Amino acid sequence: MVELFKLLGNKRLFVLLVGLVTFIALMGFTLGPRTALSWPEKFLKDSVGFVQYVFYKPASSVAGFFKDLANMRTVYQENEELRIAMGHYTRDRLKYNDMEQVNEQLQKALNFTEEQKNRYNYGSRIAQVISANSDPNSRTINIDIGENAGIKAGMAVTSQEGLVGVVSHVSSYTSTVNLLTSMDANDPTSNAIAATAVGKEKVFGMIESYDPKSGMLKMTKISEDSNIKEGDEIISSGIINNFPKYMRIGEVEKVEKSEYGLTQTATIKPYASFLDWKELIVIIPPEVKE
């Protein structure tokens, strides 16, 4: 008995024995048949559940945040792809419309040149305007064809609407065109154009100048007995400087007596606008056609 008390007097051993007995009791209690959890189990389970909740909720929120970021990035990329696709569609649509318009213009130009050929056996070359000089003292344009296309100085240049001007200088691949708007009766280098009225063989005159204020051409030296009148269509007569015939120039706005009353002067509204340059046509006479 004395030995037992000595043994129990050892605190460490005593605590160990108490803990072992308690553990065996708990094991026996928990392993036995039961329908409900004990309070220690409940406490432990609730504690574990609380800890899981504390750590899982922020982790779930962070994971959801990054998932939302990934979804936003995907949506952004899809929107960018849609914007690019829409941009391509818009560009292709504009390109198609432009090609359709160019095709229509070329078809009109083709019909025009065919009409010219049928009228007087002229050749033609279609040209694009590459630059324009707006200097009022030197109104010219440059086109993208030259000697390599058979172009020579003095050839008439027209649009679908009407006569534009005359080729003045030619290089291998470009040409300079003096516009009708640069015509000046007082300039010795300015070439006049012999003209007549459609359906009126007795009407003859010279288009020598352009009035920039009114935007009209002046047709002078018209015979006093010519029956020219307002509304007549004026075309080139083709009798001077090998200039082609039947070039549409403009319409008569008014007719008046000349300064000395011996001839008449007609004010002509040109058919060409001289503003919106599209395709132009260089007329090639048969004798210089290549």
C-alpha atoms as a PDB file:
ATOM      1  CA  MET A   1       0.000   0.000   0.000  1.00  0.00           C
ATOM      2  CA  VAL A   2       2.834   2.306   0.848  1.00  0.00           C
ATOM      3  CA  GLU A   3       4.321   1.618  -2.596  1.00  0.00           C
ATOM      4  CA  LEU A   4       1.015   2.507  -4.212  1.00  0.00           C
ATOM      5  CA  PHE A   5       0.912   5.880  -2.488  1.00  0.00           C
ATOM      6  CA  LYS A   6       4.495   6.525  -3.493  1.00  0.00           C
ATOM      7  CA  LEU A   7       3.596   5.710  -7.019  1.00  0.00           C
ATOM      8  CA  LEU A   8       0.587   8.014  -6.896  1.00  0.00           C
ATOM      9  CA  GLY A   9       2.770  10.678  -5.399  1.00  0.00           C
ATOM     10  CA  ASN A  10       4.547  11.034  -8.727  1.00  0.00           C
ATOM     11  CA  LYS A  11       2.491  13.833 -10.371  1.00  0.00           C
ATOM     12  CA  ARG A  12       3.456  13.077 -13.907  1.00  0.00           C
ATOM     13  CA  LEU A  13       2.538   9.469 -13.618  1.00  0.00           C
ATOM     14  CA  PHE A  14      -0.691  10.378 -11.906  1.00  0.00           C
ATOM     15  CA  VAL A  15      -1.740  12.752 -14.699  1.00  0.00           C
ATOM     16  CA  LEU A  16      -0.882  10.103 -17.276  1.00  0.00           C
ATOM     17  CA  LEU A  17      -3.017   7.502 -15.535  1.00  0.00           C
ATOM     18  CA  VAL A  18      -5.964   9.909 -15.254  1.00  0.00           C
ATOM     19  CA  GLY A  19      -5.682  10.794 -18.929  1.00  0.00           C
ATOM     20  CA  LEU A  20      -5.512   7.111 -19.911  1.00  0.00           C
ATOM     21  CA  VAL A  21      -8.578   6.269 -17.875  1.00  0.00           C
ATOM     22  CA  THR A  22     -10.457   9.241 -19.368  1.00  0.00           C
ATOM     23  CA  PHE A  23      -9.458   8.233 -22.905  1.00  0.00           C
ATOM     24  CA  ILE A  24     -10.607   4.629 -22.345  1.00  0.00           C
ATOM     25  CA  ALA A  25     -13.891   5.905 -20.932  1.00  0.00           C
ATOM     26  CA  LEU A  26     -14.432   8.192 -23.923  1.00  0.00           C
ATOM     27  CA  MET A  27     -13.607   5.408 -26.338  1.00  0.00           C
ATOM     28  CA  GLY A  28     -16.053   3.125 -24.651  1.00  0.00           C
ATOM     29  CA  PHE A  29     -18.660   5.844 -24.666  1.00  0.00           C
ATOM     30  CA  THR A  30     -18.258   6.798 -28.321  1.00  0.00           C
ATOM     31  CA  LEU A  31     -17.960   3.278 -29.694  1.00  0.00           C
ATOM     32  CA  GLY A  32     -21.117   2.135 -28.060  1.00  0.00           C
ATOM     33  CA  PRO A  33     -24.478   2.114 -29.911  1.00  0.00           C
ATOM     34  CA  ARG A  34     -25.982   5.636 -29.937  1.00  0.00           C
ATOM     35  CA  THR A  35     -28.128   7.890 -32.062  1.00  0.00           C
ATOM     36  CA  ALA A  36     -26.696  11.333 -31.202  1.00  0.00           C
ATOM     37  CA  LEU A  37     -23.305  12.955 -30.925  1.00  0.00           C
ATOM     38  CA  SER A  38     -21.852  13.686 -27.552  1.00  0.00           C
ATOM     39  CA  TRP A  39     -21.208  17.254 -26.543  1.00  0.00           C
ATOM     40  CA  PRO A  40     -17.409  16.961 -27.037  1.00  0.00           C
ATOM     41  CA  GLU A  41     -18.013  15.640 -30.541  1.00  0.00           C
ATOM     42  CA  LYS A  42     -20.471  18.385 -31.225  1.00  0.00           C
ATOM     43  CA  PHE A  43     -18.005  20.957 -29.972  1.00  0.00           C
ATOM     44  CA  LEU A  44     -15.198  19.499 -32.047  1.00  0.00           C
ATOM     45  CA  LYS A  45     -17.376  19.273 -35.159  1.00  0.00           C
ATOM     46  CA  ASP A  46     -18.635  22.828 -34.759  1.00  0.00           C
ATOM     47  CA  SER A  47     -15.104  24.068 -34.206  1.00  0.00           C
ATOM     48  CA  VAL A  48     -13.857  22.337 -37.336  1.00  0.00           C
ATOM     49  CA  GLY A  49     -16.855  23.612 -39.311  1.00  0.00           C
ATOM     50  CA  PHE A  50     -16.254  27.169 -38.139  1.00  0.00           C
ATOM     51  CA  VAL A  51     -12.589  27.008 -39.077  1.00  0.00           C
ATOM     52  CA  GLN A  52     -13.503  25.589 -42.499  1.00  0.00           C
ATOM     53  CA  TYR A  53     -16.045  28.363 -43.000  1.00  0.00           C
ATOM     54  CA  VAL A  54     -13.532  31.039 -41.999  1.00  0.00           C
ATOM     55  CA  PHE A  55     -10.966  29.782 -44.514  1.00  0.00           C
ATOM     56  CA  TYR A  56     -13.296  28.521 -47.248  1.00  0.00           C
ATOM     57  CA  LYS A  57     -15.422  31.661 -47.652  1.00  0.00           C
ATOM     58  CA  PRO A  58     -12.532  34.038 -48.473  1.00  0.00           C
ATOM     59  CA  ALA A  59     -10.923  31.383 -50.648  1.00  0.00           C
ATOM     60  CA  SER A  60     -14.203  30.896 -52.491  1.00  0.00           C
ATOM     61  CA  SER A  61     -14.596  34.650 -52.924  1.00  0.00           C
ATOM     62  CA  VAL A  62     -11.053  35.010 -54.240  1.00  0.00           C
ATOM     63  CA  ALA A  63     -11.564  32.088 -56.619  1.00  0.00           C
ATOM     64  CA  GLY A  64     -14.841  33.601 -57.790  1.00  0.00           C
ATOM     65  CA  PHE A  65     -13.145  36.976 -58.273  1.00  0.00           C
ATOM     66  CA  PHE A  66     -10.441  35.498 -60.490  1.00  0.00           C
ATOM     67  CA  LYS A  67     -13.055  33.478 -62.357  1.00  0.00           C
ATOM     68  CA  ASP A  68     -15.019  36.682 -62.986  1.00  0.00           C
ATOM     69  CA  LEU A  69     -11.819  38.349 -64.188  1.00  0.00           C
ATOM     70  CA  ALA A  70     -11.234  35.468 -66.583  1.00  0.00           C
ATOM     71  CA  ASN A  71     -14.816  35.746 -67.838  1.00  0.00           C
ATOM     72  CA  MET A  72     -14.449  39.511 -68.274  1.00  0.00           C
ATOM     73  CA  ARG A  73     -11.232  38.989 -70.223  1.00  0.00           C
ATOM     74  CA  THR A  74     -12.991  36.446 -72.447  1.00  0.00           C
ATOM     75  CA  VAL A  75     -15.906  38.833 -73.019  1.00  0.00           C
ATOM     76  CA  TYR A  76     -13.453  41.677 -73.760  1.00  0.00           C
ATOM     77  CA  GLN A  77     -11.589  39.528 -76.286  1.00  0.00           C
ATOM     78  CA  GLU A  78     -14.869  38.522 -77.918  1.00  0.00           C
ATOM     79  CA  ASN A  79     -15.907  42.189 -78.103  1.00  0.00           C
ATOM     80  CA  GLU A  80     -12.541  43.080 -79.651  1.00  0.00           C
ATOM     81  CA  GLU A  81     -12.975  40.319 -82.215  1.00  0.00           C
ATOM     82  CA  LEU A  82     -16.475  41.587 -82.981  1.00  0.00           C
ATOM     83  CA  ARG A  83     -15.164  45.161 -83.355  1.00  0.00           C
ATOM     84  CA  ILE A  84     -12.433  43.954 -85.700  1.00  0.00           C
ATOM     85  CA  ALA A  85     -14.925  41.884 -87.680  1.00  0.00           C
ATOM     86  CA  MET A  86     -17.269  44.881 -87.884  1.00  0.00           C
ATOM     87  CA  GLY A  87     -14.376  47.083 -88.995  1.00  0.00           C
ATOM     88  CA  HIS A  88     -13.465  44.585 -91.714  1.00  0.00           C
ATOM     89  CA  TYR A  89     -17.087  44.376 -92.789  1.00  0.00           C
ATOM     90  CA  THR A  90     -17.402  48.161 -92.944  1.00  0.00           C
ATOM     91  CA  ARG A  91     -14.133  48.468 -94.871  1.00  0.00           C
ATOM     92  CA  ASP A  92     -15.114  45.701 -97.292  1.00  0.00           C
ATOM     93  CA  ARG A  93     -18.537  47.261 -97.736  1.00  0.00           C
ATOM     94  CA  LEU A  94     -17.008  50.657 -98.519  1.00  0.00           C
ATOM     95  CA  LYS A  95     -14.512  48.994-100.848  1.00  0.00           C
ATOM     96  CA  TYR A  96     -17.344  47.162-102.586  1.00  0.00           C
ATOM     97  CA  ASN A  97     -19.389  50.352-102.924  1.00  0.00           C
ATOM     98  CA  ASP A  98     -16.343  52.198-104.259  1.00  0.00           C
ATOM     99  CA  MET A  99     -15.603  49.421-106.762  1.00  0.00           C
ATOM    100  CA  GLU A 100     -19.251  49.381-107.792  1.00  0.00           C
ATOM    101  CA  GLN A 101     -19.162  53.152-108.335  1.00  0.00           C
ATOM    102  CA  VAL A 102     -15.881  52.938-110.272  1.00  0.00           C
ATOM    103  CA  ASN A 103     -17.314  50.138-112.383  1.00  0.00           C
ATOM    104  CA  GLU A 104     -20.372  52.240-113.162  1.00  0.00           C
ATOM    105  CA  GLN A 105     -18.186  55.214-114.081  1.00  0.00           C
ATOM    106  CA  LEU A 106     -15.976  53.059-116.296  1.00  0.00           C
ATOM    107  CA  GLN A 107     -19.060  51.634-117.975  1.00  0.00           C
ATOM    108  CA  LYS A 108     -20.296  55.139-118.705  1.00  0.00           C
ATOM    109  CA  ALA A 109     -16.856  56.089-119.983  1.00  0.00           C
ATOM    110  CA  LEU A 110     -16.824  52.993-122.173  1.00  0.00           C
ATOM    111  CA  ASN A 111     -20.221  53.882-123.592  1.00  0.00           C
ATOM    112  CA  PHE A 112     -18.980  57.430-124.181  1.00  0.00           C
ATOM    113  CA  THR A 113     -15.828  56.325-125.992  1.00  0.00           C
ATOM    114  CA  GLU A 114     -17.785  53.851-128.092  1.00  0.00           C
ATOM    115  CA  GLU A 115     -20.129  56.675-129.097  1.00  0.00           C
ATOM    116  CA  GLN A 116     -17.139  58.802-130.092  1.00  0.00           C
ATOM    117  CA  LYS A 117     -15.670  55.945-132.124  1.00  0.00           C
ATOM    118  CA  ASN A 118     -18.932  55.392-133.930  1.00  0.00           C
ATOM    119  CA  ARG A 119     -19.210  59.090-134.708  1.00  0.00           C
ATOM    120  CA  TYR A 120     -15.780  59.838-136.048  1.00  0.00           C
ATOM    121  CA  ASN A 121     -13.462  56.846-135.641  1.00  0.00           C
ATOM    122  CA  TYR A 122     -11.555  58.287-132.671  1.00  0.00           C
ATOM    123  CA  GLY A 123      -9.433  56.282-130.280  1.00  0.00           C
ATOM    124  CA  SER A 124      -9.362  56.955-126.557  1.00  0.00           C
ATOM    125  CA  ARG A 125      -7.449  56.342-123.352  1.00  0.00           C
ATOM    126  CA  ILE A 126      -9.000  56.467-119.888  1.00  0.00           C
ATOM    127  CA  ALA A 127      -6.894  58.405-117.366  1.00  0.00           C
ATOM    128  CA  GLN A 128      -6.949  59.192-113.658  1.00  0.00           C
ATOM    129  CA  VAL A 129      -6.192  62.648-112.256  1.00  0.00           C
ATOM    130  CA  ILE A 130      -3.130  62.473-110.001  1.00  0.00           C
ATOM    131  CA  SER A 131      -2.835  66.169-109.100  1.00  0.00           C
ATOM    132  CA  ALA A 132      -4.475  69.520-109.753  1.00  0.00           C
ATOM    133  CA  ASN A 133      -3.101  73.060-109.795  1.00  0.00           C
ATOM    134  CA  SER A 134      -5.597  75.586-108.458  1.00  0.00           C
ATOM    135  CA  ASP A 135      -3.445  78.606-109.346  1.00  0.00           C
ATOM    136  CA  PRO A 136      -5.832  81.001-111.159  1.00  0.00           C
ATOM    137  CA  ASN A 137      -3.014  81.970-113.520  1.00  0.00           C
ATOM    138  CA  SER A 138      -2.150  78.391-114.421  1.00  0.00           C
ATOM    139  CA  ARG A 139      -5.126  76.081-114.050  1.00  0.00           C
ATOM    140  CA  THR A 140      -3.838  72.630-114.978  1.00  0.00           C
ATOM    141  CA  ILE A 141      -4.183  69.006-113.934  1.00  0.00           C
ATOM    142  CA  ASN A 142      -1.852  66.038-114.266  1.00  0.00           C
ATOM    143  CA  ILE A 143      -3.034  62.624-115.459  1.00  0.00           C
ATOM    144  CA  ASP A 144      -1.444  59.206-115.074  1.00  0.00           C
ATOM    145  CA  ILE A 145      -0.787  58.365-118.737  1.00  0.00           C
ATOM    146  CA  GLY A 146       1.796  59.773-121.142  1.00  0.00           C
ATOM    147  CA  GLU A 147       3.893  58.912-124.163  1.00  0.00           C
ATOM    148  CA  ASN A 148       3.882  55.215-123.305  1.00  0.00           C
ATOM    149  CA  ALA A 149       0.097  55.243-123.875  1.00  0.00           C
ATOM    150  CA  GLY A 150       0.337  57.184-127.140  1.00  0.00           C
ATOM    151  CA  ILE A 151      -0.561  60.558-125.638  1.00  0.00           C
ATOM    152  CA  LYS A 152       0.667  63.696-127.430  1.00  0.00           C
ATOM    153  CA  ALA A 153       0.382  67.423-126.872  1.00  0.00           C
ATOM    154  CA  GLY A 154      -2.723  68.986-128.396  1.00  0.00           C
ATOM    155  CA  MET A 155      -5.034  66.044-127.725  1.00  0.00           C
ATOM    156  CA  ALA A 156      -8.460  66.808-126.290  1.00  0.00           C
ATOM    157  CA  VAL A 157      -9.341  65.642-122.788  1.00  0.00           C
ATOM    158  CA  THR A 158     -12.958  65.161-121.792  1.00  0.00           C
ATOM    159  CA  SER A 159     -15.005  63.846-118.902  1.00  0.00           C
ATOM    160  CA  GLN A 160     -18.306  62.026-119.155  1.00  0.00           C
ATOM    161  CA  GLU A 161     -20.032  65.415-118.926  1.00  0.00           C
ATOM    162  CA  GLY A 162     -18.032  67.405-121.434  1.00  0.00           C
ATOM    163  CA  LEU A 163     -14.738  68.814-122.698  1.00  0.00           C
ATOM    164  CA  VAL A 164     -12.199  69.491-119.941  1.00  0.00           C
ATOM    165  CA  GLY A 165      -9.109  70.789-121.693  1.00  0.00           C
ATOM    166  CA  VAL A 166      -6.150  70.066-123.956  1.00  0.00           C
ATOM    167  CA  VAL A 167      -2.926  68.145-123.311  1.00  0.00           C
ATOM    168  CA  SER A 168      -0.078  70.680-123.113  1.00  0.00           C
ATOM    169  CA  HIS A 169       2.960  68.689-121.951  1.00  0.00           C
ATOM    170  CA  VAL A 170       3.732  64.975-122.074  1.00  0.00           C
ATOM    171  CA  SER A 171       6.309  62.822-120.288  1.00  0.00           C
ATOM    172  CA  SER A 172       6.758  59.075-120.451  1.00  0.00           C
ATOM    173  CA  TYR A 173       4.109  58.218-117.861  1.00  0.00           C
ATOM    174  CA  THR A 174       2.201  61.438-117.107  1.00  0.00           C
ATOM    175  CA  SER A 175       0.672  64.357-118.969  1.00  0.00           C
ATOM    176  CA  THR A 176      -0.309  67.922-118.119  1.00  0.00           C
ATOM    177  CA  VAL A 177      -3.702  69.192-119.223  1.00  0.00           C
ATOM    178  CA  ASN A 178      -4.551  72.869-119.660  1.00  0.00           C
ATOM    179  CA  LEU A 179      -8.150  73.302-118.556  1.00  0.00           C
ATOM    180  CA  LEU A 180     -10.753  75.304-120.418  1.00  0.00           C
ATOM    181  CA  THR A 181     -10.815  77.508-117.337  1.00  0.00           C
ATOM    182  CA  SER A 182      -7.303  78.744-118.240  1.00  0.00           C
ATOM    183  CA  MET A 183      -8.370  80.074-121.659  1.00  0.00           C
ATOM    184  CA  ASP A 184      -7.585  83.762-122.168  1.00  0.00           C
ATOM    185  CA  ALA A 185      -8.085  85.687-125.400  1.00  0.00           C
ATOM    186  CA  ASN A 186      -5.240  88.036-124.405  1.00  0.00           C
ATOM    187  CA  ASP A 187      -2.761  85.186-123.890  1.00  0.00           C
ATOM    188  CA  PRO A 188      -0.932  84.269-127.118  1.00  0.00           C
ATOM    189  CA  THR A 189      -0.164  80.790-125.754  1.00  0.00           C
ATOM    190  CA  SER A 190      -3.859  80.043-125.138  1.00  0.00           C
ATOM    191  CA  ASN A 191      -5.357  77.947-127.927  1.00  0.00           C
ATOM    192  CA  ALA A 192      -8.888  78.764-129.077  1.00  0.00           C
ATOM    193  CA  ILE A 193     -11.357  75.998-129.936  1.00  0.00           C
ATOM    194  CA  ALA A 194     -13.459  76.107-133.093  1.00  0.00           C
ATOM    195  CA  ALA A 195     -17.063  75.359-132.172  1.00  0.00           C
ATOM    196  CA  THR A 196     -20.512  74.972-133.660  1.00  0.00           C
ATOM    197  CA  ALA A 197     -24.070  74.278-132.508  1.00  0.00           C
ATOM    198  CA  VAL A 198     -25.664  70.848-132.808  1.00  0.00           C
ATOM    199  CA  GLY A 199     -27.989  70.689-135.813  1.00  0.00           C
ATOM    200  CA  LYS A 200     -26.994  74.142-137.082  1.00  0.00           C
ATOM    201  CA  GLU A 201     -24.358  73.875-139.797  1.00  0.00           C
ATOM    202  CA  LYS A 202     -24.198  77.637-140.373  1.00  0.00           C
ATOM    203  CA  VAL A 203     -23.276  78.396-136.782  1.00  0.00           C
ATOM    204  CA  PHE A 204     -19.540  78.812-136.335  1.00  0.00           C
ATOM    205  CA  GLY A 205     -17.461  80.551-133.687  1.00  0.00           C
ATOM    206  CA  MET A 206     -14.337  80.440-131.556  1.00  0.00           C
ATOM    207  CA  ILE A 207     -14.252  79.676-127.845  1.00  0.00           C
ATOM    208  CA  GLU A 208     -11.377  81.856-126.680  1.00  0.00           C
ATOM    209  CA  SER A 209     -11.824  82.754-123.033  1.00  0.00           C
ATOM    210  CA  TYR A 210     -13.271  81.801-119.664  1.00  0.00           C
ATOM    211  CA  ASP A 211     -14.752  84.167-117.095  1.00  0.00           C
ATOM    212  CA  PRO A 212     -13.825  82.917-113.588  1.00  0.00           C
ATOM    213  CA  LYS A 213     -16.395  85.189-111.943  1.00  0.00           C
ATOM    214  CA  SER A 214     -19.384  83.820-113.833  1.00  0.00           C
ATOM    215  CA  GLY A 215     -17.908  80.388-114.577  1.00  0.00           C
ATOM    216  CA  MET A 216     -18.835  80.821-118.244  1.00  0.00           C
ATOM    217  CA  LEU A 217     -17.006  80.399-121.549  1.00  0.00           C
ATOM    218  CA  LYS A 218     -17.121  83.042-124.273  1.00  0.00           C
ATOM    219  CA  MET A 219     -17.783  82.014-127.873  1.00  0.00           C
ATOM    220  CA  THR A 220     -16.876  84.859-130.231  1.00  0.00           C
ATOM    221  CA  LYS A 221     -16.703  85.599-133.970  1.00  0.00           C
ATOM    222  CA  ILE A 222     -20.172  84.188-134.586  1.00  0.00           C
ATOM    223  CA  SER A 223     -21.630  85.403-137.855  1.00  0.00           C
ATOM    224  CA  GLU A 224     -24.311  88.053-137.497  1.00  0.00           C
ATOM    225  CA  ASP A 225     -26.798  86.000-139.507  1.00  0.00           C
ATOM    226  CA  SER A 226     -26.210  82.774-137.517  1.00  0.00           C
ATOM    227  CA  ASN A 227     -29.369  81.494-135.874  1.00  0.00           C
ATOM    228  CA  ILE A 228     -27.646  80.578-132.618  1.00  0.00           C
ATOM    229  CA  LYS A 229     -29.880  80.943-129.570  1.00  0.00           C
ATOM    230  CA  GLU A 230     -30.198  80.209-125.876  1.00  0.00           C
ATOM    231  CA  GLY A 231     -30.318  76.474-125.089  1.00  0.00           C
ATOM    232  CA  ASP A 232     -28.266  75.370-128.114  1.00  0.00           C
ATOM    233  CA  GLU A 233     -25.715  72.642-127.443  1.00  0.00           C
ATOM    234  CA  ILE A 234     -22.189  73.701-128.395  1.00  0.00           C
ATOM    235  CA  ILE A 235     -19.673  71.144-129.641  1.00  0.00           C
ATOM    236  CA  SER A 236     -16.233  71.320-131.258  1.00  0.00           C
ATOM    237  CA  SER A 237     -16.292  71.614-135.041  1.00  0.00           C
ATOM    238  CA  GLY A 238     -12.925  69.911-135.594  1.00  0.00           C
ATOM    239  CA  ILE A 239     -11.697  72.245-138.342  1.00  0.00           C
ATOM    240  CA  ILE A 240      -8.670  73.776-136.583  1.00  0.00           C
ATOM    241  CA  ASN A 241      -5.407  72.284-135.280  1.00  0.00           C
ATOM    242  CA  ASN A 242      -6.547  68.723-135.860  1.00  0.00           C
ATOM    243  CA  PHE A 243      -8.851  69.135-132.847  1.00  0.00           C
ATOM    244  CA  PRO A 244     -11.425  66.301-132.654  1.00  0.00           C
ATOM    245  CA  LYS A 245     -14.987  66.876-133.740  1.00  0.00           C
ATOM    246  CA  TYR A 246     -18.171  66.401-131.717  1.00  0.00           C
ATOM    247  CA  MET A 247     -16.626  67.195-128.317  1.00  0.00           C
ATOM    248  CA  ARG A 248     -19.465  68.365-126.061  1.00  0.00           C
ATOM    249  CA  ILE A 249     -18.539  71.757-124.610  1.00  0.00           C
ATOM    250  CA  GLY A 250     -21.598  73.387-123.097  1.00  0.00           C
ATOM    251  CA  GLU A 251     -24.953  75.062-123.507  1.00  0.00           C
ATOM    252  CA  VAL A 252     -25.726  78.588-124.696  1.00  0.00           C
ATOM    253  CA  GLU A 253     -26.885  80.798-121.824  1.00  0.00           C
ATOM    254  CA  LYS A 254     -27.301  84.021-123.789  1.00  0.00           C
ATOM    255  CA  VAL A 255     -26.403  85.627-127.131  1.00  0.00           C
ATOM    256  CA  GLU A 256     -25.526  89.284-127.651  1.00  0.00           C
ATOM    257  CA  LYS A 257     -24.061  91.564-130.292  1.00  0.00           C
ATOM    258  CA  SER A 258     -20.315  92.056-130.283  1.00  0.00           C
ATOM    259  CA  GLU A 259     -18.744  95.396-129.476  1.00  0.00           C
ATOM    260  CA  TYR A 260     -18.911  96.709-133.037  1.00  0.00           C
ATOM    261  CA  GLY A 261     -22.127  94.922-134.004  1.00  0.00           C
ATOM    262  CA  LEU A 262     -20.574  92.918-136.837  1.00  0.00           C
ATOM    263  CA  THR A 263     -20.622  89.569-135.057  1.00  0.00           C
ATOM    264  CA  GLN A 264     -22.322  87.865-132.132  1.00  0.00           C
ATOM    265  CA  THR A 265     -20.933  86.629-128.843  1.00  0.00           C
ATOM    266  CA  ALA A 266     -22.435  83.691-126.945  1.00  0.00           C
ATOM    267  CA  THR A 267     -22.063  82.934-123.265  1.00  0.00           C
ATOM    268  CA  ILE A 268     -21.594  79.188-122.801  1.00  0.00           C
ATOM    269  CA  LYS A 269     -22.185  77.250-119.600  1.00  0.00           C
ATOM    270  CA  PRO A 270     -19.661  74.370-119.709  1.00  0.00           C
ATOM    271  CA  TYR A 271     -20.877  70.838-119.156  1.00  0.00           C
ATOM    272  CA  ALA A 272     -17.751  69.880-117.185  1.00  0.00           C
ATOM    273  CA  SER A 273     -17.732  70.949-113.532  1.00  0.00           C
ATOM    274  CA  PHE A 274     -13.913  71.285-113.141  1.00  0.00           C
ATOM    275  CA  LEU A 275     -14.280  70.329-109.485  1.00  0.00           C
ATOM    276  CA  ASP A 276     -14.999  66.665-108.843  1.00  0.00           C
ATOM    277  CA  TRP A 277     -12.385  64.886-110.938  1.00  0.00           C
ATOM    278  CA  LYS A 278     -13.042  61.247-111.689  1.00  0.00           C
ATOM    279  CA  GLU A 279     -12.083  59.320-114.807  1.00  0.00           C
ATOM    280  CA  LEU A 280     -11.046  61.449-117.760  1.00  0.00           C
ATOM    281  CA  ILE A 281     -10.775  60.408-121.394  1.00  0.00           C
ATOM    282  CA  VAL A 282      -8.015  61.451-123.770  1.00  0.00           C
ATOM    283  CA  ILE A 283      -9.283  61.501-127.365  1.00  0.00           C
ATOM    284  CA  ILE A 284      -6.813  60.180-129.943  1.00  0.00           C
ATOM    285  CA  PRO A 285      -7.346  61.190-133.598  1.00  0.00           C
ATOM    286  CA  PRO A 286      -6.957  58.390-136.186  1.00  0.00           C
ATOM    287  CA  GLU A 287      -3.752  59.745-137.721  1.00  0.00           C
ATOM    288  CA  VAL A 288      -1.864  59.606-134.423  1.00  0.00           C
ATOM    289  CA  LYS A 289      -3.590  56.561-132.984  1.00  0.00           C
ATOM    290  CA  GLU A 290      -1.153  53.849-131.841  1.00  0.00           C
END
